[in-house]
N, C-alpha and C. Protein backbone atom coordinates (compact mmCIF):
# COMPACT_ATOMS: atom_id res chain seq x y z
N MET A 1 -274.25 134.29 132.25
CA MET A 1 -273.78 133.98 133.03
C MET A 1 -272.46 134.72 133.68
N ILE A 2 -272.16 135.93 134.59
CA ILE A 2 -271.54 136.08 134.44
C ILE A 2 -270.86 136.26 135.95
N GLU A 3 -269.08 135.73 135.72
CA GLU A 3 -268.33 135.25 136.93
C GLU A 3 -267.70 136.45 137.33
N VAL A 4 -267.82 136.72 138.60
CA VAL A 4 -266.87 137.82 139.29
C VAL A 4 -265.57 137.29 140.02
N ILE A 5 -264.09 137.24 139.48
CA ILE A 5 -262.96 136.48 140.49
C ILE A 5 -262.22 137.65 141.22
N ASP A 6 -262.42 137.68 142.70
CA ASP A 6 -261.12 139.05 142.80
C ASP A 6 -259.76 138.12 143.27
N ASN A 7 -259.36 138.66 143.47
CA ASN A 7 -257.56 138.23 142.81
C ASN A 7 -257.61 137.52 142.32
N PHE A 8 -257.45 137.35 140.91
CA PHE A 8 -257.28 136.91 139.99
C PHE A 8 -256.06 136.23 139.58
N LEU A 9 -255.01 136.83 140.08
CA LEU A 9 -253.42 136.69 139.80
C LEU A 9 -252.96 136.37 141.43
N PRO A 10 -252.08 135.74 141.11
CA PRO A 10 -251.03 136.00 142.75
C PRO A 10 -250.77 137.04 142.76
N GLN A 11 -250.81 137.66 144.28
CA GLN A 11 -250.42 139.04 144.17
C GLN A 11 -248.81 139.29 143.72
N SER A 12 -248.35 138.63 143.40
CA SER A 12 -246.65 139.35 143.07
C SER A 12 -246.88 139.23 141.67
N GLU A 13 -247.24 138.48 140.79
CA GLU A 13 -247.88 138.32 139.45
C GLU A 13 -248.56 139.76 138.98
N PHE A 14 -249.41 140.09 140.05
CA PHE A 14 -250.65 141.36 139.60
C PHE A 14 -249.78 142.14 139.98
N GLU A 15 -248.74 142.54 140.83
CA GLU A 15 -248.50 143.89 141.07
C GLU A 15 -247.41 143.83 140.27
N PHE A 16 -246.44 142.84 139.52
CA PHE A 16 -245.49 142.81 138.69
C PHE A 16 -246.26 143.75 137.51
N LEU A 17 -247.92 143.06 136.50
CA LEU A 17 -248.27 143.62 135.56
C LEU A 17 -248.92 144.85 135.66
N GLN A 18 -249.31 144.83 137.16
CA GLN A 18 -249.80 146.37 137.37
C GLN A 18 -248.60 147.19 137.35
N THR A 19 -247.79 147.24 137.74
CA THR A 19 -246.10 148.42 137.68
C THR A 19 -246.17 148.53 136.18
N GLU A 20 -245.88 147.46 135.60
CA GLU A 20 -245.68 147.60 133.94
C GLU A 20 -246.64 148.34 133.42
N MET A 21 -248.23 148.21 133.32
CA MET A 21 -249.25 148.47 132.27
C MET A 21 -249.27 149.76 132.84
N LEU A 22 -248.98 150.51 134.43
CA LEU A 22 -248.80 151.87 134.65
C LEU A 22 -247.97 152.77 134.49
N SER A 23 -246.46 151.87 133.73
CA SER A 23 -245.50 152.54 133.78
C SER A 23 -245.43 153.33 132.44
N ASP A 24 -244.36 154.43 132.23
CA ASP A 24 -244.12 155.15 131.14
C ASP A 24 -243.51 154.35 130.28
N ARG A 25 -243.53 153.01 130.02
CA ARG A 25 -242.88 152.20 129.25
C ARG A 25 -243.77 151.43 128.20
N ILE A 26 -245.54 152.00 128.30
CA ILE A 26 -246.12 151.55 127.91
C ILE A 26 -246.79 152.54 127.15
N PRO A 27 -246.59 152.48 125.87
CA PRO A 27 -247.52 154.04 124.60
C PRO A 27 -249.05 153.87 125.10
N TRP A 28 -249.62 154.97 125.22
CA TRP A 28 -251.12 155.34 125.39
C TRP A 28 -251.47 155.60 124.16
N TYR A 29 -252.46 155.38 123.36
CA TYR A 29 -252.18 156.38 122.38
C TYR A 29 -254.05 157.06 122.55
N TYR A 30 -254.10 158.20 122.32
CA TYR A 30 -255.74 159.15 122.24
C TYR A 30 -256.51 158.92 121.25
N ASN A 31 -257.39 158.43 121.50
CA ASN A 31 -258.82 158.56 120.88
C ASN A 31 -259.75 159.69 121.15
N ASP A 32 -260.41 160.38 120.43
CA ASP A 32 -260.88 161.39 120.55
C ASP A 32 -262.40 161.20 121.02
N PHE A 33 -262.76 159.75 120.96
CA PHE A 33 -263.80 159.43 121.14
C PHE A 33 -264.13 157.86 121.62
N GLU A 34 -265.11 157.88 122.23
CA GLU A 34 -264.78 156.11 122.94
C GLU A 34 -265.33 155.34 122.35
N ILE A 35 -265.66 154.47 121.59
CA ILE A 35 -265.88 153.43 120.66
C ILE A 35 -267.70 153.27 120.42
N VAL A 36 -267.95 153.50 121.57
CA VAL A 36 -269.89 153.64 121.62
C VAL A 36 -270.03 154.94 121.62
N ASP A 37 -269.46 155.72 121.77
CA ASP A 37 -269.84 157.35 122.58
C ASP A 37 -268.83 158.31 121.29
N THR A 38 -269.56 158.72 120.44
CA THR A 38 -268.58 159.87 119.29
C THR A 38 -269.13 160.98 119.98
N ASP A 39 -269.26 161.46 121.13
CA ASP A 39 -269.30 162.70 121.80
C ASP A 39 -267.61 162.52 122.09
N THR A 40 -267.44 164.23 121.01
CA THR A 40 -265.87 163.90 121.22
C THR A 40 -265.08 164.90 122.88
N ARG A 41 -266.11 165.14 123.48
CA ARG A 41 -265.53 165.45 125.13
C ARG A 41 -265.03 164.47 125.73
N HIS A 42 -265.54 163.37 125.11
CA HIS A 42 -265.12 162.10 125.83
C HIS A 42 -264.38 161.07 125.27
N TYR A 43 -263.12 160.92 125.67
CA TYR A 43 -262.47 160.47 124.71
C TYR A 43 -261.60 159.27 126.09
N GLN A 44 -260.86 158.68 125.90
CA GLN A 44 -259.97 157.54 126.10
C GLN A 44 -258.57 157.81 125.61
N TYR A 45 -257.69 156.69 126.13
CA TYR A 45 -256.29 156.38 125.68
C TYR A 45 -256.25 154.56 125.83
N THR A 46 -256.16 154.43 124.87
CA THR A 46 -255.96 152.92 124.44
C THR A 46 -254.99 152.38 123.96
N HIS A 47 -254.26 151.17 124.09
CA HIS A 47 -253.03 150.44 123.85
C HIS A 47 -253.61 149.03 123.38
N THR A 48 -253.79 148.95 122.34
CA THR A 48 -253.53 147.03 121.55
C THR A 48 -253.03 146.38 122.26
N LEU A 49 -252.63 145.40 122.52
CA LEU A 49 -251.70 144.76 123.03
C LEU A 49 -252.12 143.34 121.74
N TYR A 50 -252.94 142.96 121.44
CA TYR A 50 -253.44 141.83 120.55
C TYR A 50 -254.57 142.08 119.76
N ASN A 51 -254.13 142.13 118.47
CA ASN A 51 -255.85 142.09 117.28
C ASN A 51 -255.59 141.44 116.75
N GLN A 52 -255.74 139.88 116.32
CA GLN A 52 -256.10 138.91 115.16
C GLN A 52 -254.86 139.29 115.01
N GLY A 53 -253.53 138.38 115.45
CA GLY A 53 -252.52 138.55 114.60
C GLY A 53 -251.52 139.46 115.37
N TYR A 54 -251.68 140.90 115.45
CA TYR A 54 -250.88 141.79 116.01
C TYR A 54 -250.45 142.06 117.33
N GLU A 55 -249.51 141.79 117.50
CA GLU A 55 -249.11 141.70 119.08
C GLU A 55 -248.26 143.06 119.32
N SER A 56 -248.31 143.67 120.17
CA SER A 56 -247.79 145.27 120.70
C SER A 56 -246.36 144.41 121.93
N GLY A 57 -245.28 145.30 121.88
CA GLY A 57 -244.14 144.96 122.18
C GLY A 57 -244.55 144.51 124.21
N ALA A 58 -245.89 144.98 124.83
CA ALA A 58 -246.43 144.16 125.87
C ALA A 58 -247.09 143.64 126.29
N PHE A 59 -247.05 142.39 124.70
CA PHE A 59 -248.16 141.60 124.63
C PHE A 59 -247.55 140.26 125.29
N MET A 60 -246.52 140.31 125.75
CA MET A 60 -245.89 139.16 126.50
C MET A 60 -246.47 139.23 128.31
N LEU A 61 -246.63 140.45 128.27
CA LEU A 61 -247.24 140.38 129.94
C LEU A 61 -248.44 139.82 130.02
N MET A 62 -248.90 139.65 128.95
CA MET A 62 -250.38 139.09 128.97
C MET A 62 -250.72 137.55 129.34
N ASP A 63 -249.28 136.73 129.65
CA ASP A 63 -249.12 135.59 129.55
C ASP A 63 -250.34 135.07 130.64
N PRO A 64 -249.68 135.30 131.33
CA PRO A 64 -250.48 134.81 133.16
C PRO A 64 -251.98 134.90 132.79
N LEU A 65 -252.63 135.99 132.24
CA LEU A 65 -253.55 135.97 132.06
C LEU A 65 -254.34 134.95 131.05
N ILE A 66 -253.93 135.13 130.07
CA ILE A 66 -254.36 133.96 129.00
C ILE A 66 -254.48 133.19 129.63
N LYS A 67 -253.29 132.55 130.04
CA LYS A 67 -252.97 130.85 130.61
C LYS A 67 -253.91 130.74 131.55
N LYS A 68 -254.75 131.57 132.65
CA LYS A 68 -255.68 131.37 133.51
C LYS A 68 -257.22 131.74 133.24
N LEU A 69 -257.21 132.27 132.28
CA LEU A 69 -258.25 132.21 131.43
C LEU A 69 -258.75 130.99 130.36
N LYS A 70 -257.71 130.40 130.00
CA LYS A 70 -257.22 128.87 129.82
C LYS A 70 -258.49 129.18 128.15
N VAL A 71 -257.47 130.27 127.39
CA VAL A 71 -257.69 131.01 126.10
C VAL A 71 -257.29 129.88 124.93
N SER A 72 -258.12 129.15 124.10
CA SER A 72 -257.70 128.94 122.85
C SER A 72 -257.58 129.20 121.74
N LYS A 73 -258.39 130.32 121.57
CA LYS A 73 -258.55 131.11 120.72
C LYS A 73 -258.47 133.13 120.74
N LEU A 74 -257.41 133.43 120.91
CA LEU A 74 -257.09 134.73 121.23
C LEU A 74 -258.11 135.95 119.71
N LEU A 75 -258.81 136.32 120.13
CA LEU A 75 -259.23 137.66 119.16
C LEU A 75 -258.83 138.91 119.60
N ARG A 76 -258.86 139.60 121.10
CA ARG A 76 -258.23 140.78 120.70
C ARG A 76 -257.82 140.84 122.40
N ILE A 77 -256.74 141.76 122.75
CA ILE A 77 -256.88 142.20 124.25
C ILE A 77 -256.29 144.09 123.67
N LYS A 78 -257.38 144.73 124.71
CA LYS A 78 -257.41 145.80 124.56
C LYS A 78 -256.97 146.54 125.89
N ALA A 79 -255.76 147.40 125.85
CA ALA A 79 -256.13 148.07 127.53
C ALA A 79 -257.05 149.51 127.25
N ASN A 80 -257.86 149.85 128.39
CA ASN A 80 -258.32 151.38 128.01
C ASN A 80 -258.14 152.11 129.66
N SER A 81 -257.36 153.37 129.11
CA SER A 81 -257.24 154.44 130.04
C SER A 81 -258.55 155.30 129.88
N ASN A 82 -259.21 155.68 131.37
CA ASN A 82 -260.48 156.57 131.15
C ASN A 82 -260.25 157.81 132.47
N PRO A 83 -259.84 158.95 131.93
CA PRO A 83 -260.16 159.87 132.66
C PRO A 83 -260.85 159.99 134.00
N ARG A 84 -260.39 160.38 135.07
CA ARG A 84 -261.39 160.75 136.15
C ARG A 84 -262.88 161.56 135.34
N THR A 85 -263.82 161.68 136.05
CA THR A 85 -264.76 162.69 135.64
C THR A 85 -265.37 162.95 136.75
N LEU A 86 -265.90 164.45 136.41
CA LEU A 86 -266.29 164.73 138.15
C LEU A 86 -267.96 164.18 138.26
N PHE A 87 -268.76 163.55 137.35
CA PHE A 87 -269.97 162.96 137.63
C PHE A 87 -269.19 161.10 137.28
N HIS A 88 -270.18 160.61 137.76
CA HIS A 88 -269.71 158.63 136.91
C HIS A 88 -270.75 158.96 135.76
N ARG A 89 -270.04 158.40 134.91
CA ARG A 89 -271.02 158.58 133.53
C ARG A 89 -270.80 157.13 132.76
N LYS A 90 -271.52 156.90 132.25
CA LYS A 90 -271.68 155.58 131.28
C LYS A 90 -271.43 155.53 130.15
N LYS A 91 -270.44 155.23 129.31
CA LYS A 91 -269.75 155.12 128.14
C LYS A 91 -270.61 154.45 127.09
N GLY A 92 -271.94 154.02 127.48
CA GLY A 92 -272.68 153.88 126.36
C GLY A 92 -272.52 152.33 126.25
N PHE A 93 -273.87 151.70 126.54
CA PHE A 93 -274.32 149.87 126.71
C PHE A 93 -273.87 149.40 124.97
N HIS A 94 -273.27 148.37 125.40
CA HIS A 94 -272.90 147.69 123.63
C HIS A 94 -272.69 146.57 123.96
N VAL A 95 -272.06 145.73 123.20
CA VAL A 95 -271.83 144.18 123.08
C VAL A 95 -270.30 144.48 122.10
N ASP A 96 -269.51 143.27 122.59
CA ASP A 96 -268.23 143.83 122.08
C ASP A 96 -268.06 143.42 120.22
N ALA A 97 -266.85 143.35 119.19
CA ALA A 97 -267.10 143.25 118.12
C ALA A 97 -267.57 141.92 117.74
N TRP A 98 -267.31 140.82 118.34
CA TRP A 98 -266.94 139.32 118.02
C TRP A 98 -268.16 138.93 118.93
N LYS A 99 -269.00 137.87 118.27
CA LYS A 99 -270.28 137.13 118.73
C LYS A 99 -269.72 136.01 119.13
N ASN A 100 -270.37 135.03 120.15
CA ASN A 100 -270.23 133.92 120.25
C ASN A 100 -268.65 133.37 121.18
N CYS A 101 -268.17 134.61 121.59
CA CYS A 101 -266.77 134.48 122.44
C CYS A 101 -267.46 134.67 123.78
N LYS A 102 -266.14 134.55 124.37
CA LYS A 102 -265.89 135.00 125.63
C LYS A 102 -264.76 136.80 125.73
N THR A 103 -265.97 136.92 126.38
CA THR A 103 -265.46 138.76 127.21
C THR A 103 -264.73 139.03 128.33
N SER A 104 -264.11 139.11 128.88
CA SER A 104 -263.41 139.28 130.18
C SER A 104 -263.04 140.40 130.25
N VAL A 105 -263.06 141.28 131.58
CA VAL A 105 -262.15 142.73 131.93
C VAL A 105 -262.10 142.84 132.75
N PHE A 106 -260.44 142.95 132.79
CA PHE A 106 -259.72 142.63 134.02
C PHE A 106 -259.58 144.04 134.76
N HIS A 107 -259.44 144.44 135.93
CA HIS A 107 -259.24 145.55 136.32
C HIS A 107 -257.81 146.16 137.06
N LEU A 108 -256.96 146.99 136.40
CA LEU A 108 -255.81 147.16 137.16
C LEU A 108 -255.71 148.22 137.82
N ASN A 109 -256.47 148.81 138.33
CA ASN A 109 -256.46 149.69 139.54
C ASN A 109 -257.99 150.19 140.12
N ASN A 110 -257.69 150.23 141.35
CA ASN A 110 -258.91 150.47 142.26
C ASN A 110 -259.69 151.67 142.33
N ASN A 111 -260.67 151.90 141.78
CA ASN A 111 -261.52 152.95 141.59
C ASN A 111 -263.26 152.76 141.72
N ASN A 112 -263.88 153.85 141.53
CA ASN A 112 -265.10 153.76 142.70
C ASN A 112 -265.79 153.80 140.97
N GLY A 113 -265.51 153.84 139.72
CA GLY A 113 -266.12 153.46 138.40
C GLY A 113 -266.48 151.90 138.44
N GLY A 114 -266.71 151.33 137.12
CA GLY A 114 -266.74 149.77 137.15
C GLY A 114 -267.35 149.59 135.65
N THR A 115 -267.73 148.75 135.85
CA THR A 115 -268.62 147.96 134.55
C THR A 115 -269.94 147.48 135.36
N LYS A 116 -270.43 148.10 134.31
CA LYS A 116 -272.55 147.84 134.79
C LYS A 116 -272.76 146.98 132.96
N PHE A 117 -274.03 146.54 133.82
CA PHE A 117 -274.66 144.93 132.91
C PHE A 117 -275.44 145.56 132.79
N LYS A 118 -276.60 146.00 131.31
CA LYS A 118 -277.76 146.53 131.22
C LYS A 118 -278.71 145.42 131.46
N GLY A 119 -279.76 146.08 132.76
CA GLY A 119 -280.39 145.19 133.63
C GLY A 119 -280.12 144.44 134.79
N GLY A 120 -278.50 144.84 134.81
CA GLY A 120 -277.65 144.21 135.85
C GLY A 120 -277.30 144.97 136.83
N ARG A 121 -276.14 144.06 137.45
CA ARG A 121 -275.68 144.68 138.09
C ARG A 121 -274.49 145.57 137.77
N PHE A 122 -273.97 146.04 139.06
CA PHE A 122 -272.76 147.38 138.72
C PHE A 122 -271.32 146.12 139.23
N TYR A 123 -270.48 146.37 138.72
CA TYR A 123 -269.19 145.55 139.66
C TYR A 123 -268.28 146.95 139.84
N ARG A 124 -267.72 147.16 140.90
CA ARG A 124 -267.08 148.13 141.09
C ARG A 124 -265.68 147.89 140.48
N GLY A 125 -264.51 148.89 140.39
CA GLY A 125 -263.48 148.53 140.04
C GLY A 125 -262.39 148.33 140.87
N VAL A 126 -262.02 147.05 141.04
CA VAL A 126 -261.16 146.38 142.25
C VAL A 126 -260.10 145.96 141.41
N ALA A 127 -258.99 146.60 141.89
CA ALA A 127 -257.71 146.04 141.36
C ALA A 127 -257.61 144.50 141.34
N ASN A 128 -256.74 143.63 140.31
CA ASN A 128 -256.82 142.07 140.31
C ASN A 128 -258.03 141.47 140.20
N ARG A 129 -259.46 142.27 139.76
CA ARG A 129 -260.71 141.94 139.70
C ARG A 129 -260.60 141.45 138.43
N MET A 130 -261.47 140.06 138.13
CA MET A 130 -261.33 139.71 136.89
C MET A 130 -263.01 139.53 136.82
N ILE A 131 -263.42 139.82 135.21
CA ILE A 131 -265.47 139.66 135.51
C ILE A 131 -265.56 139.38 133.69
N ILE A 132 -266.07 137.71 133.52
CA ILE A 132 -265.81 136.95 132.52
C ILE A 132 -267.15 136.88 132.35
N PHE A 133 -267.72 137.05 131.02
CA PHE A 133 -268.72 136.53 130.88
C PHE A 133 -269.02 136.44 129.37
N ASP A 134 -270.27 136.15 128.67
CA ASP A 134 -270.72 135.66 127.34
C ASP A 134 -270.35 136.98 126.27
N SER A 135 -269.89 137.06 125.17
CA SER A 135 -270.25 138.21 124.42
C SER A 135 -270.85 139.09 123.82
N GLU A 136 -272.41 138.25 124.10
CA GLU A 136 -273.72 138.90 123.94
C GLU A 136 -274.26 139.48 125.03
N HIS A 137 -273.72 139.56 126.48
CA HIS A 137 -274.20 140.15 127.71
C HIS A 137 -273.69 141.89 127.59
N VAL A 138 -274.89 142.69 127.04
CA VAL A 138 -274.49 144.44 126.76
C VAL A 138 -274.26 144.41 128.17
N HIS A 139 -273.42 145.49 127.96
CA HIS A 139 -272.36 145.88 128.98
C HIS A 139 -272.00 147.96 128.52
N THR A 140 -271.50 148.59 129.63
CA THR A 140 -270.50 149.54 129.79
C THR A 140 -269.66 149.83 131.04
N GLY A 141 -268.55 150.63 130.76
CA GLY A 141 -267.63 150.98 131.60
C GLY A 141 -268.13 152.49 132.13
N VAL A 142 -267.97 152.34 133.13
CA VAL A 142 -268.44 153.61 134.42
C VAL A 142 -267.28 154.36 134.48
N SER A 143 -267.24 155.81 134.25
CA SER A 143 -266.05 156.37 134.62
C SER A 143 -266.10 156.47 136.04
N CYS A 144 -264.95 156.82 136.90
CA CYS A 144 -264.25 156.77 138.09
C CYS A 144 -264.32 158.62 138.28
N THR A 145 -264.56 158.93 139.94
CA THR A 145 -264.88 160.10 140.13
C THR A 145 -262.99 160.06 141.59
N ASP A 146 -262.74 158.77 141.55
CA ASP A 146 -262.01 159.00 143.18
C ASP A 146 -260.48 159.12 142.36
N GLN A 147 -259.94 158.31 141.12
CA GLN A 147 -258.90 158.52 140.98
C GLN A 147 -258.19 159.10 139.68
N LYS A 148 -257.19 158.93 139.35
CA LYS A 148 -257.04 160.02 138.26
C LYS A 148 -257.24 159.21 137.10
N ARG A 149 -257.41 158.39 137.23
CA ARG A 149 -257.91 157.04 135.99
C ARG A 149 -258.72 155.66 135.95
N ARG A 150 -259.45 155.53 135.51
CA ARG A 150 -259.53 153.79 135.28
C ARG A 150 -259.29 153.25 134.33
N ILE A 151 -258.25 152.49 134.80
CA ILE A 151 -257.54 151.22 133.93
C ILE A 151 -258.20 149.43 133.84
N VAL A 152 -258.51 149.39 132.48
CA VAL A 152 -258.97 147.96 132.56
C VAL A 152 -257.93 147.46 131.18
N LEU A 153 -258.02 145.99 131.52
CA LEU A 153 -257.98 145.30 130.10
C LEU A 153 -258.67 144.54 129.88
N ASN A 154 -259.40 144.40 128.65
CA ASN A 154 -260.83 143.99 127.77
C ASN A 154 -260.25 142.51 126.73
N PHE A 155 -260.56 141.79 127.14
CA PHE A 155 -259.89 140.30 126.49
C PHE A 155 -261.46 139.84 125.58
N ASN A 156 -260.90 139.41 124.33
CA ASN A 156 -261.93 138.61 123.77
C ASN A 156 -261.33 137.55 123.10
N TYR A 157 -262.49 136.14 123.32
CA TYR A 157 -261.47 135.11 123.20
C TYR A 157 -262.51 133.89 123.05
N TYR A 158 -261.98 132.66 122.60
CA TYR A 158 -262.91 131.44 122.61
C TYR A 158 -262.25 130.44 123.41
């Protein structure tokens, strides 16, 4: 089952989170390739907010999302920033590294890219949209062509 919740956070909480995550106070780290795509022409910037005990300085910003998702055990939160492409490009269908858990994708900005499920629907990048699904669902990010970048937060948890 895939659950899509628009306006996931109250507007004031979302605007604060969006402002902080898109500011120059969040360090973004260049990746020569995306995890499922080793073509070095396709790159992304990431920021790991949490990974099995590691917490970045920006981790506290995730508190409203973690509470609303009702997370009992957090595995990872990673922010992905993908630059605009000339044409929509799928990054490669995959499942996240953890099995038998939940995956959620939170969109931080409006764009014409989004999240696509193998054999299923495409969900456009809508700011403040949360997509929640079982980690076994095969999915991919789709680049945008209408904004400078597509920015999402990827959660893995129980």
